[in-house]
């Protein structure tokens, strides 16, 4: 019985990279297409319902194709990890181009970041929510409502920290995957510096926020599953996630000379 060449992924890679075989390329796209659905599903969980998962999948396919075309078999990296970063980058690029996050929301997010940094500098510790609200001149209830609204954008903002502004020049720090420019000493230094800053920012998070970040980004749990682990509602987990992301963004901006 004749073996279907599409089932032999190594053969598909060999044919595509050596001859540019279009059938092999299509076979690779089909073989790795579940990665697109996985990434789109993870991202859509924290986006407004108005953002269609099917649209995210279509954006992500371009990232998968880009990954297949640029992946270097000789480097010895795992393709799945490399591709996930490219797929995320493609989806995030499209969401950014859509500019679906209102400017007013972006502005308030930066206000919270600045309040975190200002208070940390003054108090020499992680500020409490009530202190952040006072610093911003809002009530505790208004701050909570703002954090709930921002929870729809946190996942995109967090991914942008890792992926960078241009996915052709920066690669995801998660998985420490090398990119085409990885041999550039300046790029390597900047990437390592960002990872160090974010690692330090995670270490400084309040314990429950640290747990949320670990379970969501490293263990792959959903917000609902994390809520079951912590014994809180999904909306509370979403709020913890949002605060953690804003604290990390604030630390990165402060280290790079932006913000308060």
Protein backbone atom coordinates (compact mmCIF):
# COMPACT_ATOMS: atom_id res chain seq x y z
CA UNK A 1 0.00 0.00 0.00
CA UNK A 2 1.29 3.42 -0.93
CA UNK A 3 2.04 5.81 1.95
CA UNK A 4 0.51 9.26 1.82
CA UNK A 5 3.50 11.67 1.77
CA UNK A 6 1.50 14.19 3.81
CA UNK A 7 1.77 11.86 6.80
CA UNK A 8 5.57 12.08 6.72
CA UNK A 9 6.26 15.56 8.08
CA UNK A 10 10.03 15.19 7.76
CA UNK A 11 9.64 14.35 4.09
CA UNK A 12 7.36 17.35 3.59
CA UNK A 13 9.94 19.64 5.18
CA UNK A 14 12.72 18.17 3.04
CA UNK A 15 10.74 18.58 -0.18
CA UNK A 16 9.64 22.11 0.61
CA UNK A 17 13.00 23.43 1.78
CA UNK A 18 15.01 21.77 -0.98
CA UNK A 19 12.69 22.27 -3.96
CA UNK A 20 10.04 24.76 -2.83
CA UNK A 21 7.43 22.09 -3.58
CA UNK A 22 4.00 23.74 -3.31
CA UNK A 23 2.25 20.47 -2.49
CA UNK A 24 4.67 19.93 0.38
CA UNK A 25 3.98 23.48 1.58
CA UNK A 26 0.24 22.84 1.57
CA UNK A 27 0.83 19.59 3.43
CA UNK A 28 2.80 21.42 6.13
CA UNK A 29 0.07 24.06 6.47
CA UNK A 30 -2.56 21.34 6.94
CA UNK A 31 -0.38 19.42 9.38
CA UNK A 32 0.26 22.43 11.62
CA UNK A 33 -3.14 24.13 11.24
CA UNK A 34 -4.26 22.97 14.73
CA UNK A 35 -1.63 25.36 16.14
CA UNK A 36 -3.56 28.28 14.64
CA UNK A 37 -6.81 27.17 16.26
CA UNK A 38 -5.01 26.71 19.59
CA UNK A 39 -3.47 30.20 19.58
CA UNK A 40 -6.64 31.88 18.32
CA UNK A 41 -8.67 30.12 21.00
CA UNK A 42 -6.32 31.22 23.76
CA UNK A 43 -6.36 34.82 22.60
CA UNK A 44 -10.11 35.01 21.97
CA UNK A 45 -10.82 33.94 25.57
CA UNK A 46 -9.78 37.39 26.80
CA UNK A 47 -11.09 39.50 23.92
CA UNK A 48 -14.53 41.10 23.52
CA UNK A 49 -17.22 38.88 22.00
CA UNK A 50 -17.34 41.25 19.03
CA UNK A 51 -13.95 39.86 17.95
CA UNK A 52 -14.74 36.73 15.94
CA UNK A 53 -12.51 33.71 16.62
CA UNK A 54 -12.83 32.75 12.95
CA UNK A 55 -11.23 36.08 12.05
CA UNK A 56 -8.38 35.42 14.48
CA UNK A 57 -7.83 32.04 12.85
CA UNK A 58 -7.66 33.61 9.40
CA UNK A 59 -5.08 36.14 10.66
CA UNK A 60 -3.13 33.37 12.33
CA UNK A 61 -2.90 31.31 9.14
CA UNK A 62 -0.73 34.06 7.66
CA UNK A 63 1.56 33.73 10.66
CA UNK A 64 1.77 29.98 10.16
CA UNK A 65 2.64 30.39 6.48
CA UNK A 66 5.26 32.98 7.43
CA UNK A 67 6.73 30.56 9.99
CA UNK A 68 6.89 27.70 7.49
CA UNK A 69 8.59 29.89 4.91
CA UNK A 70 11.19 31.29 7.33
CA UNK A 71 11.86 28.30 9.57
CA UNK A 72 15.45 27.08 9.41
CA UNK A 73 15.69 23.33 9.84
CA UNK A 74 19.42 23.56 10.54
CA UNK A 75 19.03 25.57 13.75
CA UNK A 76 17.56 22.68 15.67
CA UNK A 77 14.65 24.60 17.17
CA UNK A 78 11.23 23.03 17.65
CA UNK A 79 8.96 24.30 14.90
CA UNK A 80 5.79 24.27 17.01
CA UNK A 81 7.19 26.77 19.51
CA UNK A 82 8.61 28.95 16.76
CA UNK A 83 5.30 28.87 14.87
CA UNK A 84 3.19 29.75 17.90
CA UNK A 85 5.16 32.97 18.33
CA UNK A 86 4.71 33.85 14.64
CA UNK A 87 0.99 33.04 14.73
CA UNK A 88 0.50 35.22 17.82
CA UNK A 89 2.45 38.00 16.13
CA UNK A 90 0.26 37.86 13.02
CA UNK A 91 -2.95 37.99 15.05
CA UNK A 92 -1.70 40.81 17.26
CA UNK A 93 -0.50 42.79 14.23
CA UNK A 94 -3.98 42.59 12.73
CA UNK A 95 -5.71 43.51 15.98
CA UNK A 96 -3.39 46.49 16.31
CA UNK A 97 -4.14 47.52 12.73
CA UNK A 98 -7.87 47.31 13.49
CA UNK A 99 -7.26 49.62 16.46
CA UNK A 100 -10.21 48.01 18.24
CA UNK A 101 -9.01 49.26 21.63
CA UNK A 102 -10.39 52.81 22.19
CA UNK A 103 -7.78 55.51 22.73
CA UNK A 104 -9.46 56.45 25.99
CA UNK A 105 -8.91 52.92 27.28
CA UNK A 106 -5.25 52.99 26.22
CA UNK A 107 -4.87 56.31 28.03
CA UNK A 108 -6.39 55.03 31.28
CA UNK A 109 -4.19 51.94 31.13
CA UNK A 110 -1.13 54.18 30.98
CA UNK A 111 -2.48 56.22 33.91
CA UNK A 112 -2.65 53.06 36.03
CA UNK A 113 0.86 52.06 34.97
CA UNK A 114 2.19 55.48 35.95
CA UNK A 115 0.37 55.29 39.28
CA UNK A 116 1.95 51.89 40.00
CA UNK A 117 5.47 53.17 39.29
CA UNK A 118 4.98 56.45 41.15
CA UNK A 119 3.64 54.68 44.24
CA UNK A 120 6.29 51.95 44.16
CA UNK A 121 8.98 54.61 44.08
CA UNK A 122 7.40 56.45 47.03
CA UNK A 123 6.27 53.49 49.13
CA UNK A 124 9.12 51.06 48.26
CA UNK A 125 6.56 48.26 47.98
CA UNK A 126 3.70 47.07 45.77
CA UNK A 127 0.82 49.57 46.19
CA UNK A 128 -2.66 48.49 47.26
CA UNK A 129 -5.70 49.11 45.09
CA UNK A 130 -7.00 51.83 47.40
CA UNK A 131 -3.67 53.66 47.14
CA UNK A 132 -3.71 53.40 43.35
CA UNK A 133 -7.25 54.77 43.24
CA UNK A 134 -6.27 57.71 45.46
CA UNK A 135 -3.20 58.42 43.32
CA UNK A 136 -5.41 58.52 40.22
CA UNK A 137 -8.12 60.57 41.88
CA UNK A 138 -10.84 57.95 41.44
CA UNK A 139 -12.88 55.84 43.83
CA UNK A 140 -12.14 52.20 44.57
CA UNK A 141 -15.29 51.27 42.66
CA UNK A 142 -14.27 53.33 39.63
CA UNK A 143 -10.83 51.71 39.60
CA UNK A 144 -12.39 48.23 39.76
CA UNK A 145 -14.71 49.11 36.86
CA UNK A 146 -11.75 50.39 34.84
CA UNK A 147 -9.78 47.20 35.50
CA UNK A 148 -12.76 45.16 34.33
CA UNK A 149 -12.89 47.14 31.09
CA UNK A 150 -9.14 46.78 30.62
CA UNK A 151 -9.37 43.03 31.10
CA UNK A 152 -10.51 42.82 27.48
CA UNK A 153 -7.19 44.25 26.29
CA UNK A 154 -4.64 42.83 28.73
CA UNK A 155 -3.81 39.71 26.77
CA UNK A 156 -2.93 41.74 23.69
CA UNK A 157 -0.83 44.17 25.68
CA UNK A 158 1.00 41.35 27.44
CA UNK A 159 1.74 39.53 24.21
CA UNK A 160 3.10 42.74 22.72
CA UNK A 161 5.66 42.84 25.53
CA UNK A 162 7.01 39.46 24.43
CA UNK A 163 6.55 39.62 20.69
CA UNK A 164 7.69 43.19 20.19
CA UNK A 165 6.56 45.87 17.79
CA UNK A 166 7.74 44.16 14.60
CA UNK A 167 7.48 40.40 14.47
CA UNK A 168 10.00 40.30 11.62
CA UNK A 169 12.69 41.69 13.91
CA UNK A 170 11.73 40.38 17.35
CA UNK A 171 10.61 36.99 18.44
CA UNK A 172 8.69 35.74 21.45
CA UNK A 173 10.76 35.54 24.61
CA UNK A 174 8.52 32.69 25.71
CA UNK A 175 10.43 29.62 24.64
CA UNK A 176 13.53 31.70 23.91
CA UNK A 177 13.26 31.08 20.18
CA UNK A 178 15.92 32.55 17.93
CA UNK A 179 14.91 34.63 14.94
CA UNK A 180 16.65 35.61 11.73
CA UNK A 181 18.36 38.48 13.57
CA UNK A 182 19.23 36.47 16.69
CA UNK A 183 22.95 36.56 15.88
CA UNK A 184 22.95 40.35 16.02
CA UNK A 185 24.60 41.19 19.40
CA UNK A 186 22.42 44.27 19.90
CA UNK A 187 19.22 42.29 19.28
CA UNK A 188 20.37 39.49 21.58
CA UNK A 189 21.23 41.98 24.33
CA UNK A 190 17.89 43.79 24.05
CA UNK A 191 15.99 40.51 24.10
CA UNK A 192 17.84 39.27 27.17
CA UNK A 193 17.39 42.63 28.89
CA UNK A 194 13.62 42.57 28.32
CA UNK A 195 13.42 39.00 29.63
CA UNK A 196 15.38 40.00 32.74
CA UNK A 197 13.14 43.01 33.36
CA UNK A 198 9.96 40.97 32.96
CA UNK A 199 11.32 38.15 35.12
CA UNK A 200 12.03 40.70 37.85
CA UNK A 201 8.59 42.24 37.38
CA UNK A 202 6.92 38.85 37.76
CA UNK A 203 8.94 38.16 40.89
CA UNK A 204 7.68 41.45 42.41
CA UNK A 205 4.01 40.67 41.78
CA UNK A 206 1.66 40.01 44.70
CA UNK A 207 1.41 36.27 45.30
CA UNK A 208 -2.06 35.74 43.78
CA UNK A 209 -1.22 37.72 40.66
CA UNK A 210 2.01 35.74 40.29
CA UNK A 211 0.02 32.50 40.52
CA UNK A 212 -2.41 33.70 37.84
CA UNK A 213 0.44 34.55 35.46
CA UNK A 214 2.16 31.21 36.08
CA UNK A 215 -0.99 29.15 35.63
CA UNK A 216 -2.19 31.05 32.55
CA UNK A 217 1.01 31.53 30.55
CA UNK A 218 3.13 28.60 31.67
CA UNK A 219 0.63 25.89 32.64
CA UNK A 220 -1.93 26.75 29.95
CA UNK A 221 -4.98 26.94 32.26
CA UNK A 222 -7.99 29.02 31.29
CA UNK A 223 -9.19 31.87 33.49
CA UNK A 224 -12.13 29.71 34.56
CA UNK A 225 -9.81 26.86 35.57
CA UNK A 226 -7.57 29.26 37.50
CA UNK A 227 -10.65 30.53 39.32
CA UNK A 228 -11.41 26.98 40.42
CA UNK A 229 -7.84 26.57 41.67
CA UNK A 230 -7.93 29.84 43.63
CA UNK A 231 -11.56 29.53 44.73
CA UNK A 232 -12.63 32.83 43.13
CA UNK A 233 -14.82 33.84 40.19
CA UNK A 234 -13.55 33.98 36.62
CA UNK A 235 -14.11 37.74 36.58
CA UNK A 236 -11.91 38.10 39.67
CA UNK A 237 -9.17 36.10 37.97
CA UNK A 238 -9.50 38.33 34.92
CA UNK A 239 -9.04 41.38 37.14
CA UNK A 240 -5.97 39.84 38.82
CA UNK A 241 -4.56 39.05 35.40
CA UNK A 242 -5.14 42.61 34.24
CA UNK A 243 -3.42 44.13 37.26
CA UNK A 244 -0.46 41.79 36.85
CA UNK A 245 -0.06 42.71 33.19
CA UNK A 246 -0.27 46.44 33.92
CA UNK A 247 2.33 46.13 36.70
CA UNK A 248 4.69 44.30 34.33
CA UNK A 249 4.13 46.82 31.55
CA UNK A 250 4.80 49.61 34.03
CA UNK A 251 8.10 48.05 35.13
CA UNK A 252 9.20 47.60 31.51
CA UNK A 253 8.27 51.16 30.56
CA UNK A 254 10.04 52.54 33.64
CA UNK A 255 13.18 50.53 32.89
CA UNK A 256 13.15 51.83 29.31
CA UNK A 257 12.78 55.43 30.46
CA UNK A 258 9.06 55.94 29.78
CA UNK A 259 6.16 56.73 32.09
CA UNK A 260 6.33 58.26 35.54
